[in-house]
Structure formats: C-alpha cells, structure tokens
C-alpha cells in the first residue's frame, strides 16, 4: 500500500447511503384508482372548504414524497 492510500484510509471515511426501508413489491394501481375516485367525488359534489384544505395539504405531502422517491431512483 502506498503512502497516499494510508493517508486516505486514516483520515477519510465514506458514508454509505443505506436505505433500511423494505422495498414495495406491489403495483400501485389500486392506490391510483383511489386517487381517481377522490377526484371524481370532489368534482361531482361540493366539498367543504376545510376538507379541501386538508386534502390539498395531503396532496402536497404526497407530491413531495413522490418527488423524493424519484430523485432517489425509485
């Protein structure tokens, strides 16, 4: 081992990006259908303002989670 390698192993550490989550091994189609059902429901009926705001917050969290997953590579 050369001197440069000794220095690197002594002073430089690497951090592995470990994702301890269990992979999702299922199709998300049922979840997509639920979302479509919610869209139909709120377009066919007049939803209360506070419920629409709660739904909007949940959608923003969902969009942020999906974007994070896409950036991580799925």
Protein backbone atom coordinates (compact mmCIF):
# COMPACT_ATOMS: atom_id res chain seq x y z
CA UNK A 1 0.00 0.00 0.00
CA UNK A 2 1.41 3.41 -0.92
CA UNK A 3 1.59 6.36 1.43
CA UNK A 4 -1.37 8.15 -0.25
CA UNK A 5 -3.63 5.15 0.39
CA UNK A 6 -2.54 5.08 4.05
CA UNK A 7 -3.47 8.74 4.44
CA UNK A 8 -6.84 8.28 2.72
CA UNK A 9 -7.83 5.33 4.88
CA UNK A 10 -6.62 7.09 8.01
CA UNK A 11 -8.33 10.45 7.54
CA UNK A 12 -11.12 9.95 5.00
CA UNK A 13 -14.21 7.94 5.73
CA UNK A 14 -17.01 7.23 3.33
CA UNK A 15 -20.62 7.11 4.34
CA UNK A 16 -22.79 4.63 2.54
CA UNK A 17 -26.32 5.80 1.78
CA UNK A 18 -28.14 2.96 3.46
CA UNK A 19 -31.89 2.82 3.00
CA UNK A 20 -33.29 0.43 5.56
CA UNK A 21 -36.82 0.53 4.20
CA UNK A 22 -38.37 -2.63 2.81
CA UNK A 23 -38.96 -2.43 -0.95
CA UNK A 24 -42.54 -2.02 -2.09
CA UNK A 25 -43.14 -5.11 -4.19
CA UNK A 26 -46.64 -4.33 -5.33
CA UNK A 27 -48.39 -2.47 -8.05
CA UNK A 28 -49.63 0.98 -7.06
CA UNK A 29 -52.61 0.75 -9.42
CA UNK A 30 -55.18 0.32 -6.58
CA UNK A 31 -53.83 3.47 -4.93
CA UNK A 32 -54.03 5.37 -8.21
CA UNK A 33 -57.64 4.23 -8.58
CA UNK A 34 -58.42 5.52 -5.08
CA UNK A 35 -57.00 8.92 -6.02
CA UNK A 36 -59.09 8.94 -9.21
CA UNK A 37 -62.15 8.09 -7.11
CA UNK A 38 -61.45 11.04 -4.80
CA UNK A 39 -61.09 13.35 -7.80
CA UNK A 40 -64.47 12.20 -9.16
CA UNK A 41 -66.07 12.62 -5.75
CA UNK A 42 -64.94 16.22 -5.25
CA UNK A 43 -65.85 17.24 -8.82
CA UNK A 44 -69.35 15.77 -8.53
CA UNK A 45 -70.11 17.22 -5.10
CA UNK A 46 -69.39 20.45 -3.28
CA UNK A 47 -66.81 19.72 -0.62
CA UNK A 48 -66.43 21.88 2.50
CA UNK A 49 -63.58 24.38 2.37
CA UNK A 50 -61.75 22.93 5.40
CA UNK A 51 -61.85 19.43 3.89
CA UNK A 52 -60.48 20.76 0.61
CA UNK A 53 -57.65 22.43 2.51
CA UNK A 54 -56.85 19.18 4.33
CA UNK A 55 -56.89 17.33 1.02
CA UNK A 56 -54.62 19.94 -0.54
CA UNK A 57 -52.12 19.54 2.31
CA UNK A 58 -52.18 15.76 1.93
CA UNK A 59 -51.64 16.08 -1.83
CA UNK A 60 -48.64 18.36 -1.29
CA UNK A 61 -47.11 15.82 1.08
CA UNK A 62 -47.80 13.06 -1.45
CA UNK A 63 -46.22 15.06 -4.27
CA UNK A 64 -43.15 15.80 -2.14
CA UNK A 65 -42.80 12.14 -1.20
CA UNK A 66 -43.11 11.01 -4.82
CA UNK A 67 -40.55 13.61 -5.94
CA UNK A 68 -38.12 12.43 -3.26
CA UNK A 69 -38.56 8.81 -4.35
CA UNK A 70 -37.99 9.72 -7.98
CA UNK A 71 -34.78 11.57 -7.09
CA UNK A 72 -33.58 8.54 -5.13
CA UNK A 73 -34.23 6.36 -8.14
CA UNK A 74 -37.43 4.69 -7.05
